[in-house]
Amino acid sequence: MDLDQIQRIARASREFSDTHEGVTVTIRIPTRHEVRVALLQSTASTPEAKLLDAQRTLLLAAVVAWSGVVVRHLVPDVADDTLVDHEPLAVQILLDAQPQWTDRWQDLLVARMAERRRVEETAEKKSVSASHGAKPKQMRSRAAARSLRTS
């Protein structure tokens, strides 16, 4: 198996689909790194605005495919049922034009991210107990970072 195949499999393992009002979207759960980058790149001045900005950035990137999206979904005043190809600008326009869909997909994404995080943390805990209490390097570095923040 080559690295391109491995990357496709890894990405696919983070994807789920949602069908709503005849539109099916494929959403890819961001990695922890992608979440951190989105938070750090936000230029918002308050924590609440920073979170909203990061969530929007992550959702824009998370919608990786769709079917059934037509022009009238992007421009509700136009009665045009021409299919629209998935591309970044179209995702942005759709999220702006359909705020209820945006809220739905954001809620689904946040729930799936939390679920994935719980699974990863459970696996980490099992890994630690399986190695008779030895902490993996990543956990040691997290503990060190926490102690720096509290000192």
C-alpha atoms as a PDB file:
ATOM      1  CA  MET A   1       0.000   0.000   0.000  1.00  0.00           C
ATOM      2  CA  ASP A   2       1.476   3.382  -0.963  1.00  0.00           C
ATOM      3  CA  LEU A   3       1.224   6.611   1.050  1.00  0.00           C
ATOM      4  CA  ASP A   4      -1.495   8.093  -1.163  1.00  0.00           C
ATOM      5  CA  GLN A   5      -3.692   5.072  -0.442  1.00  0.00           C
ATOM      6  CA  ILE A   6      -2.943   5.314   3.270  1.00  0.00           C
ATOM      7  CA  GLN A   7      -3.830   9.007   3.260  1.00  0.00           C
ATOM      8  CA  ARG A   8      -7.144   8.332   1.459  1.00  0.00           C
ATOM      9  CA  ILE A   9      -8.017   5.627   3.985  1.00  0.00           C
ATOM     10  CA  ALA A  10      -7.099   7.873   6.916  1.00  0.00           C
ATOM     11  CA  ARG A  11      -9.210  10.740   5.568  1.00  0.00           C
ATOM     12  CA  ALA A  12     -12.143   8.443   4.796  1.00  0.00           C
ATOM     13  CA  SER A  13     -12.066   7.152   8.386  1.00  0.00           C
ATOM     14  CA  ARG A  14     -12.851  10.695   9.543  1.00  0.00           C
ATOM     15  CA  GLU A  15     -15.776  11.220   7.147  1.00  0.00           C
ATOM     16  CA  PHE A  16     -19.524  10.893   7.582  1.00  0.00           C
ATOM     17  CA  SER A  17     -22.513  11.848   5.455  1.00  0.00           C
ATOM     18  CA  ASP A  18     -25.721  13.675   6.209  1.00  0.00           C
ATOM     19  CA  THR A  19     -28.785  13.894   3.979  1.00  0.00           C
ATOM     20  CA  HIS A  20     -31.170  16.788   4.519  1.00  0.00           C
ATOM     21  CA  GLU A  21     -33.845  18.190   2.197  1.00  0.00           C
ATOM     22  CA  GLY A  22     -32.539  16.163  -0.744  1.00  0.00           C
ATOM     23  CA  VAL A  23     -28.924  17.254  -0.292  1.00  0.00           C
ATOM     24  CA  THR A  24     -26.231  14.856   0.864  1.00  0.00           C
ATOM     25  CA  VAL A  25     -23.001  16.273   2.216  1.00  0.00           C
ATOM     26  CA  THR A  26     -19.840  14.475   3.191  1.00  0.00           C
ATOM     27  CA  ILE A  27     -18.188  16.025   6.234  1.00  0.00           C
ATOM     28  CA  ARG A  28     -14.638  15.256   7.317  1.00  0.00           C
ATOM     29  CA  ILE A  29     -13.817  15.577  11.005  1.00  0.00           C
ATOM     30  CA  PRO A  30     -10.758  17.823  11.406  1.00  0.00           C
ATOM     31  CA  THR A  31      -7.619  16.579  13.088  1.00  0.00           C
ATOM     32  CA  ARG A  32      -6.575  18.015  16.445  1.00  0.00           C
ATOM     33  CA  HIS A  33      -3.882  19.949  14.613  1.00  0.00           C
ATOM     34  CA  GLU A  34      -6.413  21.475  12.209  1.00  0.00           C
ATOM     35  CA  VAL A  35      -8.561  22.560  15.167  1.00  0.00           C
ATOM     36  CA  ARG A  36      -5.595  24.197  16.908  1.00  0.00           C
ATOM     37  CA  VAL A  37      -4.537  25.994  13.732  1.00  0.00           C
ATOM     38  CA  ALA A  38      -8.078  27.317  13.175  1.00  0.00           C
ATOM     39  CA  LEU A  39      -8.174  28.679  16.719  1.00  0.00           C
ATOM     40  CA  LEU A  40      -4.731  30.252  16.454  1.00  0.00           C
ATOM     41  CA  GLN A  41      -5.417  31.831  13.064  1.00  0.00           C
ATOM     42  CA  SER A  42      -8.610  33.518  14.227  1.00  0.00           C
ATOM     43  CA  THR A  43      -8.172  37.271  14.518  1.00  0.00           C
ATOM     44  CA  ALA A  44     -11.310  37.746  16.613  1.00  0.00           C
ATOM     45  CA  SER A  45     -10.839  39.771  19.774  1.00  0.00           C
ATOM     46  CA  THR A  46     -13.010  37.851  22.246  1.00  0.00           C
ATOM     47  CA  PRO A  47     -12.915  34.154  23.130  1.00  0.00           C
ATOM     48  CA  GLU A  48     -16.532  33.705  21.982  1.00  0.00           C
ATOM     49  CA  ALA A  49     -15.864  35.342  18.610  1.00  0.00           C
ATOM     50  CA  LYS A  50     -12.626  33.378  18.239  1.00  0.00           C
ATOM     51  CA  LEU A  51     -14.552  30.137  18.782  1.00  0.00           C
ATOM     52  CA  LEU A  52     -17.263  31.094  16.254  1.00  0.00           C
ATOM     53  CA  ASP A  53     -14.627  32.100  13.722  1.00  0.00           C
ATOM     54  CA  ALA A  54     -12.734  28.825  14.182  1.00  0.00           C
ATOM     55  CA  GLN A  55     -15.948  26.789  13.945  1.00  0.00           C
ATOM     56  CA  ARG A  56     -16.840  28.492  10.650  1.00  0.00           C
ATOM     57  CA  THR A  57     -13.331  27.900   9.275  1.00  0.00           C
ATOM     58  CA  LEU A  58     -13.464  24.244  10.279  1.00  0.00           C
ATOM     59  CA  LEU A  59     -16.931  23.699   8.800  1.00  0.00           C
ATOM     60  CA  LEU A  60     -15.910  25.311   5.500  1.00  0.00           C
ATOM     61  CA  ALA A  61     -12.999  22.871   5.292  1.00  0.00           C
ATOM     62  CA  ALA A  62     -15.037  19.931   6.616  1.00  0.00           C
ATOM     63  CA  VAL A  63     -17.656  19.922   3.847  1.00  0.00           C
ATOM     64  CA  VAL A  64     -15.595  17.899   1.379  1.00  0.00           C
ATOM     65  CA  ALA A  65     -18.267  16.674  -1.046  1.00  0.00           C
ATOM     66  CA  TRP A  66     -21.949  16.920  -1.814  1.00  0.00           C
ATOM     67  CA  SER A  67     -24.724  15.821  -4.105  1.00  0.00           C
ATOM     68  CA  GLY A  68     -28.048  17.417  -4.834  1.00  0.00           C
ATOM     69  CA  VAL A  69     -26.997  21.039  -4.294  1.00  0.00           C
ATOM     70  CA  VAL A  70     -28.633  23.282  -6.882  1.00  0.00           C
ATOM     71  CA  VAL A  71     -28.462  26.995  -7.657  1.00  0.00           C
ATOM     72  CA  ARG A  72     -31.648  27.771  -5.686  1.00  0.00           C
ATOM     73  CA  HIS A  73     -29.941  26.432  -2.537  1.00  0.00           C
ATOM     74  CA  LEU A  74     -27.215  29.045  -2.976  1.00  0.00           C
ATOM     75  CA  VAL A  75     -29.534  31.827  -4.144  1.00  0.00           C
ATOM     76  CA  PRO A  76     -32.994  31.130  -2.684  1.00  0.00           C
ATOM     77  CA  ASP A  77     -34.663  33.867  -4.765  1.00  0.00           C
ATOM     78  CA  VAL A  78     -33.653  32.144  -8.014  1.00  0.00           C
ATOM     79  CA  ALA A  79     -35.771  29.172  -9.110  1.00  0.00           C
ATOM     80  CA  ASP A  80     -32.920  27.304 -10.793  1.00  0.00           C
ATOM     81  CA  ASP A  81     -32.444  23.568 -10.272  1.00  0.00           C
ATOM     82  CA  THR A  82     -29.093  23.376 -12.059  1.00  0.00           C
ATOM     83  CA  LEU A  83     -26.683  21.222 -10.053  1.00  0.00           C
ATOM     84  CA  VAL A  84     -23.736  23.041  -8.480  1.00  0.00           C
ATOM     85  CA  ASP A  85     -20.320  21.404  -8.306  1.00  0.00           C
ATOM     86  CA  HIS A  86     -18.636  21.206  -4.923  1.00  0.00           C
ATOM     87  CA  GLU A  87     -15.873  23.777  -4.574  1.00  0.00           C
ATOM     88  CA  PRO A  88     -14.740  26.012  -1.700  1.00  0.00           C
ATOM     89  CA  LEU A  89     -16.523  29.195  -2.820  1.00  0.00           C
ATOM     90  CA  ALA A  90     -19.770  27.278  -3.384  1.00  0.00           C
ATOM     91  CA  VAL A  91     -19.525  25.842   0.155  1.00  0.00           C
ATOM     92  CA  GLN A  92     -19.142  29.343   1.568  1.00  0.00           C
ATOM     93  CA  ILE A  93     -22.135  30.626  -0.398  1.00  0.00           C
ATOM     94  CA  LEU A  94     -24.267  27.634   0.634  1.00  0.00           C
ATOM     95  CA  LEU A  95     -23.450  28.055   4.326  1.00  0.00           C
ATOM     96  CA  ASP A  96     -24.408  31.738   4.121  1.00  0.00           C
ATOM     97  CA  ALA A  97     -27.611  31.072   2.161  1.00  0.00           C
ATOM     98  CA  GLN A  98     -28.807  28.173   4.326  1.00  0.00           C
ATOM     99  CA  PRO A  99     -28.128  29.094   7.983  1.00  0.00           C
ATOM    100  CA  GLN A 100     -30.345  26.279   9.293  1.00  0.00           C
ATOM    101  CA  TRP A 101     -28.266  23.741   7.311  1.00  0.00           C
ATOM    102  CA  THR A 102     -25.108  25.383   8.622  1.00  0.00           C
ATOM    103  CA  ASP A 103     -26.338  25.010  12.204  1.00  0.00           C
ATOM    104  CA  ARG A 104     -27.297  21.385  11.567  1.00  0.00           C
ATOM    105  CA  TRP A 105     -23.923  20.475  10.060  1.00  0.00           C
ATOM    106  CA  GLN A 106     -22.028  22.425  12.718  1.00  0.00           C
ATOM    107  CA  ASP A 107     -23.892  20.555  15.464  1.00  0.00           C
ATOM    108  CA  LEU A 108     -23.227  17.210  13.763  1.00  0.00           C
ATOM    109  CA  LEU A 109     -19.559  18.062  13.308  1.00  0.00           C
ATOM    110  CA  VAL A 110     -19.104  19.127  16.931  1.00  0.00           C
ATOM    111  CA  ALA A 111     -20.856  15.964  18.162  1.00  0.00           C
ATOM    112  CA  ARG A 112     -18.700  13.725  15.950  1.00  0.00           C
ATOM    113  CA  MET A 113     -15.541  15.555  17.023  1.00  0.00           C
ATOM    114  CA  ALA A 114     -16.437  14.998  20.681  1.00  0.00           C
ATOM    115  CA  GLU A 115     -17.221  11.328  20.010  1.00  0.00           C
ATOM    116  CA  ARG A 116     -13.917  10.839  18.196  1.00  0.00           C
ATOM    117  CA  ARG A 117     -12.049  12.573  21.011  1.00  0.00           C
ATOM    118  CA  ARG A 118     -13.647  10.249  23.601  1.00  0.00           C
ATOM    119  CA  VAL A 119     -12.647   7.203  21.555  1.00  0.00           C
ATOM    120  CA  GLU A 120      -9.065   8.482  21.224  1.00  0.00           C
ATOM    121  CA  GLU A 121      -8.812   9.248  24.944  1.00  0.00           C
ATOM    122  CA  THR A 122     -10.168   5.814  25.843  1.00  0.00           C
ATOM    123  CA  ALA A 123      -7.598   4.217  23.537  1.00  0.00           C
ATOM    124  CA  GLU A 124      -4.836   6.290  25.140  1.00  0.00           C
ATOM    125  CA  LYS A 125      -5.935   5.219  28.635  1.00  0.00           C
ATOM    126  CA  LYS A 126      -6.025   1.558  27.576  1.00  0.00           C
ATOM    127  CA  SER A 127      -2.569   1.950  26.063  1.00  0.00           C
ATOM    128  CA  VAL A 128      -1.237   3.372  29.324  1.00  0.00           C
ATOM    129  CA  SER A 129      -2.766   0.635  31.466  1.00  0.00           C
ATOM    130  CA  ALA A 130      -1.575  -2.026  29.026  1.00  0.00           C
ATOM    131  CA  SER A 131       1.975  -0.800  29.442  1.00  0.00           C
ATOM    132  CA  HIS A 132       1.689  -1.124  33.252  1.00  0.00           C
ATOM    133  CA  GLY A 133       1.440   2.538  34.019  1.00  0.00           C
ATOM    134  CA  ALA A 134       4.183   3.815  31.742  1.00  0.00           C
ATOM    135  CA  LYS A 135       3.071   7.076  30.175  1.00  0.00           C
ATOM    136  CA  PRO A 136       3.475   7.421  26.426  1.00  0.00           C
ATOM    137  CA  LYS A 137       5.685  10.316  25.361  1.00  0.00           C
ATOM    138  CA  GLN A 138       2.699  12.359  24.140  1.00  0.00           C
ATOM    139  CA  MET A 139       0.945  12.039  27.505  1.00  0.00           C
ATOM    140  CA  ARG A 140       4.131  13.017  29.368  1.00  0.00           C
ATOM    141  CA  SER A 141       4.457  16.131  27.216  1.00  0.00           C
ATOM    142  CA  ARG A 142       0.797  17.043  27.835  1.00  0.00           C
ATOM    143  CA  ALA A 143       1.311  16.640  31.578  1.00  0.00           C
ATOM    144  CA  ALA A 144       4.396  18.846  31.375  1.00  0.00           C
ATOM    145  CA  ALA A 145       2.486  21.482  29.417  1.00  0.00           C
ATOM    146  CA  ARG A 146      -0.336  21.422  31.991  1.00  0.00           C
ATOM    147  CA  SER A 147       2.128  21.885  34.838  1.00  0.00           C
ATOM    148  CA  LEU A 148       3.642  24.896  33.041  1.00  0.00           C
ATOM    149  CA  ARG A 149       0.212  26.465  32.671  1.00  0.00           C
ATOM    150  CA  THR A 150      -0.642  25.998  36.338  1.00  0.00           C
ATOM    151  CA  SER A 151       2.665  27.282  37.691  1.00  0.00           C
END
